[in-house]
C-alpha cells in the first residue's frame, strides 16, 4: 500500500558538488511541509563519488535513499525507475542544481494534494521570474512554441525540471512514454493532457545553473523528437 507522504527524486549524473547542496536543502524543505517524506537520488552511472556521498547521508538519515545504476540509463529511464520505487503517493522531481527556487515546493506538492494529476513549474508564464542566457531563452521559447503548435499542448513550458505527480496516475502513463532522456518531460505532459489528466502549471523563480549550455545537436534532437511523438500519436497510434 502506498503511503500518504512525499517522495522527491533528484536525477543525478556526475553532480557531486550540486548534491552536497541539494540533499540537505531538500530534507529541510520537505521537513517543513510533511512528516512523511523521502529523497531518492536517482544516480545514473556517475563516476565522481555521487553514490558514495548519498550512501554516507543514508547512514545518518535513512530518508535519503540511493537508487544506483551501474550503466547510464538516461534521464527518462532513471526517472521511470525511481517513480516505481517511490514509497509515497505524491512523487516530485526537480533538477539537482536547484535552478527552481525550493520556496515553490509547498505549491508543487499542494497542487497534487488539491486534485491535480500533474503539477509543473513554468519559466515562461507572465509572472515567472527567470535569469538565463539569451541563447537559452530563444531556444526555449521556440521549442515550446513548436510543442504547442505541433502537439497541441496547452502549457507554456514543458522542460522545466520541477514537476510532481500523483503516483498511481504517472505509473499508468509511464508504459506509453518512450523518451529515454530529456524529452521525457515533454512527452509526459503531452500524453497526460491527451488522456484528460488534470495538469496544474504555475510560474516559478528560476536561475540558470552553472555550466549549462545549449548545443545545436540538442535543439535538433528535440525538434526531431517533437515530430517523432506526433507520428506516434497520430499515425502509429501509440
C-alpha atoms as a PDB file:
ATOM      1  CA  UNK A   1       0.000   0.000   0.000  1.00  0.00           C
ATOM      2  CA  UNK A   2       1.348   3.429  -0.981  1.00  0.00           C
ATOM      3  CA  UNK A   3       1.624   5.758   1.987  1.00  0.00           C
ATOM      4  CA  UNK A   4       0.470   9.342   2.424  1.00  0.00           C
ATOM      5  CA  UNK A   5       3.617  11.418   2.063  1.00  0.00           C
ATOM      6  CA  UNK A   6       6.025  12.939  -0.442  1.00  0.00           C
ATOM      7  CA  UNK A   7       8.787  11.304  -2.458  1.00  0.00           C
ATOM      8  CA  UNK A   8      11.303  13.673  -4.062  1.00  0.00           C
ATOM      9  CA  UNK A   9      13.540  12.373  -6.844  1.00  0.00           C
ATOM     10  CA  UNK A  10      16.852  14.010  -7.727  1.00  0.00           C
ATOM     11  CA  UNK A  11      18.154  12.766 -11.109  1.00  0.00           C
ATOM     12  CA  UNK A  12      21.949  12.771 -10.919  1.00  0.00           C
ATOM     13  CA  UNK A  13      24.827  12.132 -13.309  1.00  0.00           C
ATOM     14  CA  UNK A  14      28.244  13.235 -12.030  1.00  0.00           C
ATOM     15  CA  UNK A  15      26.722  16.006  -9.912  1.00  0.00           C
ATOM     16  CA  UNK A  16      28.562  15.574  -6.606  1.00  0.00           C
ATOM     17  CA  UNK A  17      29.013  19.329  -5.878  1.00  0.00           C
ATOM     18  CA  UNK A  18      25.331  20.040  -6.589  1.00  0.00           C
ATOM     19  CA  UNK A  19      24.276  17.086  -4.418  1.00  0.00           C
ATOM     20  CA  UNK A  20      26.162  18.497  -1.446  1.00  0.00           C
ATOM     21  CA  UNK A  21      23.745  21.435  -1.517  1.00  0.00           C
ATOM     22  CA  UNK A  22      20.613  19.753  -2.868  1.00  0.00           C
ATOM     23  CA  UNK A  23      20.325  16.905  -0.340  1.00  0.00           C
ATOM     24  CA  UNK A  24      20.344  18.970   2.885  1.00  0.00           C
ATOM     25  CA  UNK A  25      18.197  21.726   1.372  1.00  0.00           C
ATOM     26  CA  UNK A  26      15.672  19.164   0.118  1.00  0.00           C
ATOM     27  CA  UNK A  27      15.468  17.481   3.520  1.00  0.00           C
ATOM     28  CA  UNK A  28      14.895  20.845   5.213  1.00  0.00           C
ATOM     29  CA  UNK A  29      12.270  21.957   2.682  1.00  0.00           C
ATOM     30  CA  UNK A  30      10.366  18.673   2.937  1.00  0.00           C
ATOM     31  CA  UNK A  31      10.503  18.589   6.747  1.00  0.00           C
ATOM     32  CA  UNK A  32       8.778  21.972   6.760  1.00  0.00           C
ATOM     33  CA  UNK A  33       5.732  20.647   4.877  1.00  0.00           C
ATOM     34  CA  UNK A  34       5.323  16.969   5.846  1.00  0.00           C
ATOM     35  CA  UNK A  35       6.362  14.422   8.451  1.00  0.00           C
ATOM     36  CA  UNK A  36       6.472  11.591   5.887  1.00  0.00           C
ATOM     37  CA  UNK A  37       8.963  12.018   3.070  1.00  0.00           C
ATOM     38  CA  UNK A  38      11.967  10.563   1.287  1.00  0.00           C
ATOM     39  CA  UNK A  39      14.640  11.901  -1.043  1.00  0.00           C
ATOM     40  CA  UNK A  40      15.536   9.397  -3.767  1.00  0.00           C
ATOM     41  CA  UNK A  41      18.783  10.151  -5.566  1.00  0.00           C
ATOM     42  CA  UNK A  42      18.438   8.504  -8.976  1.00  0.00           C
ATOM     43  CA  UNK A  43      22.166   8.246  -9.599  1.00  0.00           C
ATOM     44  CA  UNK A  44      22.709   7.342 -13.230  1.00  0.00           C
ATOM     45  CA  UNK A  45      26.130   5.697 -13.608  1.00  0.00           C
ATOM     46  CA  UNK A  46      28.147   8.506 -12.002  1.00  0.00           C
ATOM     47  CA  UNK A  47      31.903   8.184 -11.555  1.00  0.00           C
ATOM     48  CA  UNK A  48      32.537  11.250  -9.369  1.00  0.00           C
ATOM     49  CA  UNK A  49      31.666   9.907  -5.936  1.00  0.00           C
ATOM     50  CA  UNK A  50      27.984  10.870  -6.055  1.00  0.00           C
ATOM     51  CA  UNK A  51      26.881   7.385  -4.960  1.00  0.00           C
ATOM     52  CA  UNK A  52      29.311   7.333  -2.045  1.00  0.00           C
ATOM     53  CA  UNK A  53      28.094  10.743  -0.883  1.00  0.00           C
ATOM     54  CA  UNK A  54      24.472   9.559  -0.829  1.00  0.00           C
ATOM     55  CA  UNK A  55      25.352   6.307   0.953  1.00  0.00           C
ATOM     56  CA  UNK A  56      27.034   8.339   3.692  1.00  0.00           C
ATOM     57  CA  UNK A  57      23.935  10.544   4.041  1.00  0.00           C
ATOM     58  CA  UNK A  58      21.706   7.475   4.226  1.00  0.00           C
ATOM     59  CA  UNK A  59      23.689   6.186   7.192  1.00  0.00           C
ATOM     60  CA  UNK A  60      22.732   9.252   9.239  1.00  0.00           C
ATOM     61  CA  UNK A  61      19.296   9.872   7.661  1.00  0.00           C
ATOM     62  CA  UNK A  62      17.512   6.828   6.152  1.00  0.00           C
ATOM     63  CA  UNK A  63      15.004   9.151   4.483  1.00  0.00           C
ATOM     64  CA  UNK A  64      17.726   9.836   1.888  1.00  0.00           C
ATOM     65  CA  UNK A  65      17.884   6.845  -0.456  1.00  0.00           C
ATOM     66  CA  UNK A  66      20.280   5.919  -3.236  1.00  0.00           C
ATOM     67  CA  UNK A  67      18.961   4.348  -6.432  1.00  0.00           C
ATOM     68  CA  UNK A  68      22.158   3.455  -8.263  1.00  0.00           C
ATOM     69  CA  UNK A  69      22.594   2.384 -11.888  1.00  0.00           C
ATOM     70  CA  UNK A  70      25.875   0.760 -12.916  1.00  0.00           C
ATOM     71  CA  UNK A  71      25.448   1.997 -16.501  1.00  0.00           C
ATOM     72  CA  UNK A  72      23.941   5.201 -17.853  1.00  0.00           C
ATOM     73  CA  UNK A  73      20.183   4.823 -18.329  1.00  0.00           C
ATOM     74  CA  UNK A  74      19.336   8.371 -19.426  1.00  0.00           C
ATOM     75  CA  UNK A  75      17.196  10.863 -17.537  1.00  0.00           C
ATOM     76  CA  UNK A  76      13.838   9.462 -18.637  1.00  0.00           C
ATOM     77  CA  UNK A  77      14.584   5.833 -17.798  1.00  0.00           C
ATOM     78  CA  UNK A  78      16.164   6.834 -14.492  1.00  0.00           C
ATOM     79  CA  UNK A  79      13.001   8.759 -13.583  1.00  0.00           C
ATOM     80  CA  UNK A  80      10.746   5.844 -14.567  1.00  0.00           C
ATOM     81  CA  UNK A  81      12.742   3.554 -12.299  1.00  0.00           C
ATOM     82  CA  UNK A  82      12.687   5.987  -9.388  1.00  0.00           C
ATOM     83  CA  UNK A  83       8.939   6.670  -9.677  1.00  0.00           C
ATOM     84  CA  UNK A  84       8.294   2.948  -9.499  1.00  0.00           C
ATOM     85  CA  UNK A  85      10.492   2.717  -6.383  1.00  0.00           C
ATOM     86  CA  UNK A  86       8.840   5.695  -4.640  1.00  0.00           C
ATOM     87  CA  UNK A  87       7.031   4.939  -1.368  1.00  0.00           C
ATOM     88  CA  UNK A  88       4.633   7.860  -1.218  1.00  0.00           C
ATOM     89  CA  UNK A  89       1.548   8.957  -3.143  1.00  0.00           C
ATOM     90  CA  UNK A  90       2.940  12.387  -4.119  1.00  0.00           C
ATOM     91  CA  UNK A  91       6.041  11.999  -6.291  1.00  0.00           C
ATOM     92  CA  UNK A  92       8.111  15.071  -7.219  1.00  0.00           C
ATOM     93  CA  UNK A  93      11.332  15.554  -9.065  1.00  0.00           C
ATOM     94  CA  UNK A  94      13.486  18.582  -9.672  1.00  0.00           C
ATOM     95  CA  UNK A  95      16.898  19.320 -11.099  1.00  0.00           C
ATOM     96  CA  UNK A  96      19.764  18.775  -8.683  1.00  0.00           C
ATOM     97  CA  UNK A  97      21.202  22.242  -9.363  1.00  0.00           C
ATOM     98  CA  UNK A  98      18.077  23.695  -7.678  1.00  0.00           C
ATOM     99  CA  UNK A  99      17.583  26.094 -10.576  1.00  0.00           C
ATOM    100  CA  UNK A 100      13.949  26.380  -9.472  1.00  0.00           C
ATOM    101  CA  UNK A 101      13.609  28.007  -6.054  1.00  0.00           C
ATOM    102  CA  UNK A 102      12.610  25.402  -3.444  1.00  0.00           C
ATOM    103  CA  UNK A 103      10.269  28.005  -1.945  1.00  0.00           C
ATOM    104  CA  UNK A 104       7.857  26.666  -4.603  1.00  0.00           C
ATOM    105  CA  UNK A 105       7.894  23.129  -3.183  1.00  0.00           C
ATOM    106  CA  UNK A 106       4.778  23.637  -0.991  1.00  0.00           C
ATOM    107  CA  UNK A 107       2.878  24.877  -4.054  1.00  0.00           C
ATOM    108  CA  UNK A 108       4.092  21.929  -6.130  1.00  0.00           C
ATOM    109  CA  UNK A 109       3.032  19.358  -3.538  1.00  0.00           C
ATOM    110  CA  UNK A 110      -0.149  21.275  -2.719  1.00  0.00           C
ATOM    111  CA  UNK A 111      -1.303  21.152  -6.329  1.00  0.00           C
ATOM    112  CA  UNK A 112      -1.322  17.336  -6.248  1.00  0.00           C
ATOM    113  CA  UNK A 113      -2.978  17.208  -2.848  1.00  0.00           C
ATOM    114  CA  UNK A 114      -5.653  19.579  -4.181  1.00  0.00           C
ATOM    115  CA  UNK A 115      -6.579  17.235  -7.019  1.00  0.00           C
ATOM    116  CA  UNK A 116      -4.128  17.714  -9.887  1.00  0.00           C
ATOM    117  CA  UNK A 117      -2.657  14.622 -11.518  1.00  0.00           C
ATOM    118  CA  UNK A 118       0.454  16.504 -12.657  1.00  0.00           C
ATOM    119  CA  UNK A 119       1.930  19.803 -11.463  1.00  0.00           C
ATOM    120  CA  UNK A 120       4.722  21.641 -13.238  1.00  0.00           C
ATOM    121  CA  UNK A 121       6.676  24.809 -12.739  1.00  0.00           C
ATOM    122  CA  UNK A 122       6.875  27.247 -15.629  1.00  0.00           C
ATOM    123  CA  UNK A 123       9.627  29.647 -16.630  1.00  0.00           C
ATOM    124  CA  UNK A 124       7.510  31.145 -19.398  1.00  0.00           C
ATOM    125  CA  UNK A 125       4.314  32.367 -17.748  1.00  0.00           C
ATOM    126  CA  UNK A 126       3.850  36.141 -17.370  1.00  0.00           C
ATOM    127  CA  UNK A 127       4.651  36.081 -13.641  1.00  0.00           C
ATOM    128  CA  UNK A 128       7.714  33.823 -13.946  1.00  0.00           C
ATOM    129  CA  UNK A 129      10.998  35.301 -12.691  1.00  0.00           C
ATOM    130  CA  UNK A 130      13.930  33.858 -14.645  1.00  0.00           C
ATOM    131  CA  UNK A 131      17.559  34.671 -15.341  1.00  0.00           C
ATOM    132  CA  UNK A 132      19.343  32.850 -18.167  1.00  0.00           C
ATOM    133  CA  UNK A 133      21.413  33.491 -21.287  1.00  0.00           C
ATOM    134  CA  UNK A 134      19.807  34.928 -24.414  1.00  0.00           C
ATOM    135  CA  UNK A 135      20.602  31.789 -26.392  1.00  0.00           C
ATOM    136  CA  UNK A 136      18.747  29.545 -23.977  1.00  0.00           C
ATOM    137  CA  UNK A 137      15.808  31.937 -23.823  1.00  0.00           C
ATOM    138  CA  UNK A 138      15.350  31.965 -27.604  1.00  0.00           C
ATOM    139  CA  UNK A 139      15.785  28.195 -27.873  1.00  0.00           C
ATOM    140  CA  UNK A 140      13.312  27.529 -25.049  1.00  0.00           C
ATOM    141  CA  UNK A 141      10.588  29.798 -26.397  1.00  0.00           C
ATOM    142  CA  UNK A 142      10.980  28.371 -29.904  1.00  0.00           C
ATOM    143  CA  UNK A 143      10.879  24.808 -28.620  1.00  0.00           C
ATOM    144  CA  UNK A 144       7.763  25.339 -26.512  1.00  0.00           C
ATOM    145  CA  UNK A 145       6.002  27.105 -29.371  1.00  0.00           C
ATOM    146  CA  UNK A 146       6.661  24.033 -31.517  1.00  0.00           C
ATOM    147  CA  UNK A 147       5.275  21.719 -28.837  1.00  0.00           C
ATOM    148  CA  UNK A 148       2.083  23.767 -28.576  1.00  0.00           C
ATOM    149  CA  UNK A 149       1.687  24.075 -32.343  1.00  0.00           C
ATOM    150  CA  UNK A 150       2.615  20.556 -33.430  1.00  0.00           C
ATOM    151  CA  UNK A 151       1.468  18.521 -30.434  1.00  0.00           C
ATOM    152  CA  UNK A 152      -1.497  20.610 -29.307  1.00  0.00           C
ATOM    153  CA  UNK A 153      -0.306  21.221 -25.748  1.00  0.00           C
ATOM    154  CA  UNK A 154      -1.956  23.995 -23.734  1.00  0.00           C
ATOM    155  CA  UNK A 155       1.049  24.580 -21.465  1.00  0.00           C
ATOM    156  CA  UNK A 156       3.676  27.314 -21.600  1.00  0.00           C
ATOM    157  CA  UNK A 157       6.789  25.399 -20.519  1.00  0.00           C
ATOM    158  CA  UNK A 158       7.364  21.673 -20.977  1.00  0.00           C
ATOM    159  CA  UNK A 159      11.005  21.289 -19.957  1.00  0.00           C
ATOM    160  CA  UNK A 160      11.158  22.962 -16.561  1.00  0.00           C
ATOM    161  CA  UNK A 161      12.768  20.418 -14.229  1.00  0.00           C
ATOM    162  CA  UNK A 162      10.274  20.922 -11.399  1.00  0.00           C
ATOM    163  CA  UNK A 163       7.318  18.551 -11.544  1.00  0.00           C
ATOM    164  CA  UNK A 164       5.058  16.476  -9.320  1.00  0.00           C
ATOM    165  CA  UNK A 165       2.655  13.618  -9.958  1.00  0.00           C
ATOM    166  CA  UNK A 166       0.016  11.532  -8.286  1.00  0.00           C
ATOM    167  CA  UNK A 167       1.912   8.264  -8.188  1.00  0.00           C
ATOM    168  CA  UNK A 168      -0.850   5.988  -9.453  1.00  0.00           C
ATOM    169  CA  UNK A 169      -1.584   8.301 -12.375  1.00  0.00           C
ATOM    170  CA  UNK A 170       2.016   8.672 -13.527  1.00  0.00           C
ATOM    171  CA  UNK A 171       2.611   4.922 -13.205  1.00  0.00           C
ATOM    172  CA  UNK A 172      -0.356   4.346 -15.522  1.00  0.00           C
ATOM    173  CA  UNK A 173       1.177   6.743 -18.055  1.00  0.00           C
ATOM    174  CA  UNK A 174       4.833   5.654 -17.938  1.00  0.00           C
ATOM    175  CA  UNK A 175       4.434   2.495 -20.100  1.00  0.00           C
ATOM    176  CA  UNK A 176       3.452   4.711 -23.046  1.00  0.00           C
ATOM    177  CA  UNK A 177       6.368   7.133 -22.623  1.00  0.00           C
ATOM    178  CA  UNK A 178       9.190   6.165 -24.954  1.00  0.00           C
ATOM    179  CA  UNK A 179      11.669   9.033 -24.482  1.00  0.00           C
ATOM    180  CA  UNK A 180      14.786   7.785 -22.620  1.00  0.00           C
ATOM    181  CA  UNK A 181      16.345  11.159 -21.861  1.00  0.00           C
ATOM    182  CA  UNK A 182      15.482  14.896 -21.870  1.00  0.00           C
ATOM    183  CA  UNK A 183      12.319  14.659 -23.978  1.00  0.00           C
ATOM    184  CA  UNK A 184      10.685  12.615 -21.196  1.00  0.00           C
ATOM    185  CA  UNK A 185       9.314  15.791 -19.551  1.00  0.00           C
ATOM    186  CA  UNK A 186       7.548  16.930 -22.705  1.00  0.00           C
ATOM    187  CA  UNK A 187       6.199  13.503 -23.603  1.00  0.00           C
ATOM    188  CA  UNK A 188       4.714  13.010 -20.132  1.00  0.00           C
ATOM    189  CA  UNK A 189       2.942  16.367 -20.258  1.00  0.00           C
ATOM    190  CA  UNK A 190       1.621  15.872 -23.794  1.00  0.00           C
ATOM    191  CA  UNK A 191       0.400  12.329 -23.210  1.00  0.00           C
ATOM    192  CA  UNK A 192      -1.105  13.285 -19.858  1.00  0.00           C
ATOM    193  CA  UNK A 193      -3.133  16.106 -21.400  1.00  0.00           C
ATOM    194  CA  UNK A 194      -4.354  13.821 -24.166  1.00  0.00           C
ATOM    195  CA  UNK A 195      -5.640  11.372 -21.542  1.00  0.00           C
ATOM    196  CA  UNK A 196      -7.540  14.098 -19.726  1.00  0.00           C
ATOM    197  CA  UNK A 197      -5.187  14.362 -16.750  1.00  0.00           C
ATOM    198  CA  UNK A 198      -5.564  17.497 -14.647  1.00  0.00           C
ATOM    199  CA  UNK A 199      -2.315  19.455 -15.136  1.00  0.00           C
ATOM    200  CA  UNK A 200      -1.541  22.458 -12.945  1.00  0.00           C
ATOM    201  CA  UNK A 201       1.102  24.870 -14.300  1.00  0.00           C
ATOM    202  CA  UNK A 202       2.369  27.748 -12.182  1.00  0.00           C
ATOM    203  CA  UNK A 203       5.087  30.430 -12.521  1.00  0.00           C
ATOM    204  CA  UNK A 204       8.392  29.969 -10.690  1.00  0.00           C
ATOM    205  CA  UNK A 205      11.569  31.791  -9.781  1.00  0.00           C
ATOM    206  CA  UNK A 206      14.324  30.127 -11.811  1.00  0.00           C
ATOM    207  CA  UNK A 207      18.032  30.806 -12.219  1.00  0.00           C
ATOM    208  CA  UNK A 208      20.265  29.185 -14.843  1.00  0.00           C
ATOM    209  CA  UNK A 209      22.727  26.767 -13.284  1.00  0.00           C
ATOM    210  CA  UNK A 210      26.486  26.960 -13.835  1.00  0.00           C
ATOM    211  CA  UNK A 211      27.945  25.243 -16.872  1.00  0.00           C
ATOM    212  CA  UNK A 212      24.610  24.932 -18.689  1.00  0.00           C
ATOM    213  CA  UNK A 213      24.871  25.285 -22.440  1.00  0.00           C
ATOM    214  CA  UNK A 214      22.632  24.858 -25.463  1.00  0.00           C
ATOM    215  CA  UNK A 215      24.160  22.815 -28.249  1.00  0.00           C
ATOM    216  CA  UNK A 216      22.828  22.742 -31.795  1.00  0.00           C
ATOM    217  CA  UNK A 217      22.599  18.958 -31.732  1.00  0.00           C
ATOM    218  CA  UNK A 218      20.396  19.156 -28.611  1.00  0.00           C
ATOM    219  CA  UNK A 219      17.998  21.605 -30.270  1.00  0.00           C
ATOM    220  CA  UNK A 220      17.917  19.491 -33.428  1.00  0.00           C
ATOM    221  CA  UNK A 221      17.293  16.336 -31.394  1.00  0.00           C
ATOM    222  CA  UNK A 222      14.415  17.941 -29.503  1.00  0.00           C
ATOM    223  CA  UNK A 223      12.797  19.077 -32.760  1.00  0.00           C
ATOM    224  CA  UNK A 224      13.132  15.592 -34.167  1.00  0.00           C
ATOM    225  CA  UNK A 225      11.510  14.121 -31.065  1.00  0.00           C
ATOM    226  CA  UNK A 226       8.557  16.505 -31.332  1.00  0.00           C
ATOM    227  CA  UNK A 227       7.912  15.194 -34.844  1.00  0.00           C
ATOM    228  CA  UNK A 228       8.502  11.636 -33.665  1.00  0.00           C
ATOM    229  CA  UNK A 229       5.896  11.978 -30.914  1.00  0.00           C
ATOM    230  CA  UNK A 230       3.410  13.489 -33.395  1.00  0.00           C
ATOM    231  CA  UNK A 231       3.930  10.410 -35.589  1.00  0.00           C
ATOM    232  CA  UNK A 232       3.450   8.027 -32.647  1.00  0.00           C
ATOM    233  CA  UNK A 233       0.225   9.741 -31.587  1.00  0.00           C
ATOM    234  CA  UNK A 234      -1.390  10.389 -34.961  1.00  0.00           C
ATOM    235  CA  UNK A 235      -0.030   7.720 -37.284  1.00  0.00           C
ATOM    236  CA  UNK A 236       1.320   4.809 -35.256  1.00  0.00           C
ATOM    237  CA  UNK A 237      -1.462   5.378 -32.651  1.00  0.00           C
ATOM    238  CA  UNK A 238       0.645   4.686 -29.602  1.00  0.00           C
END
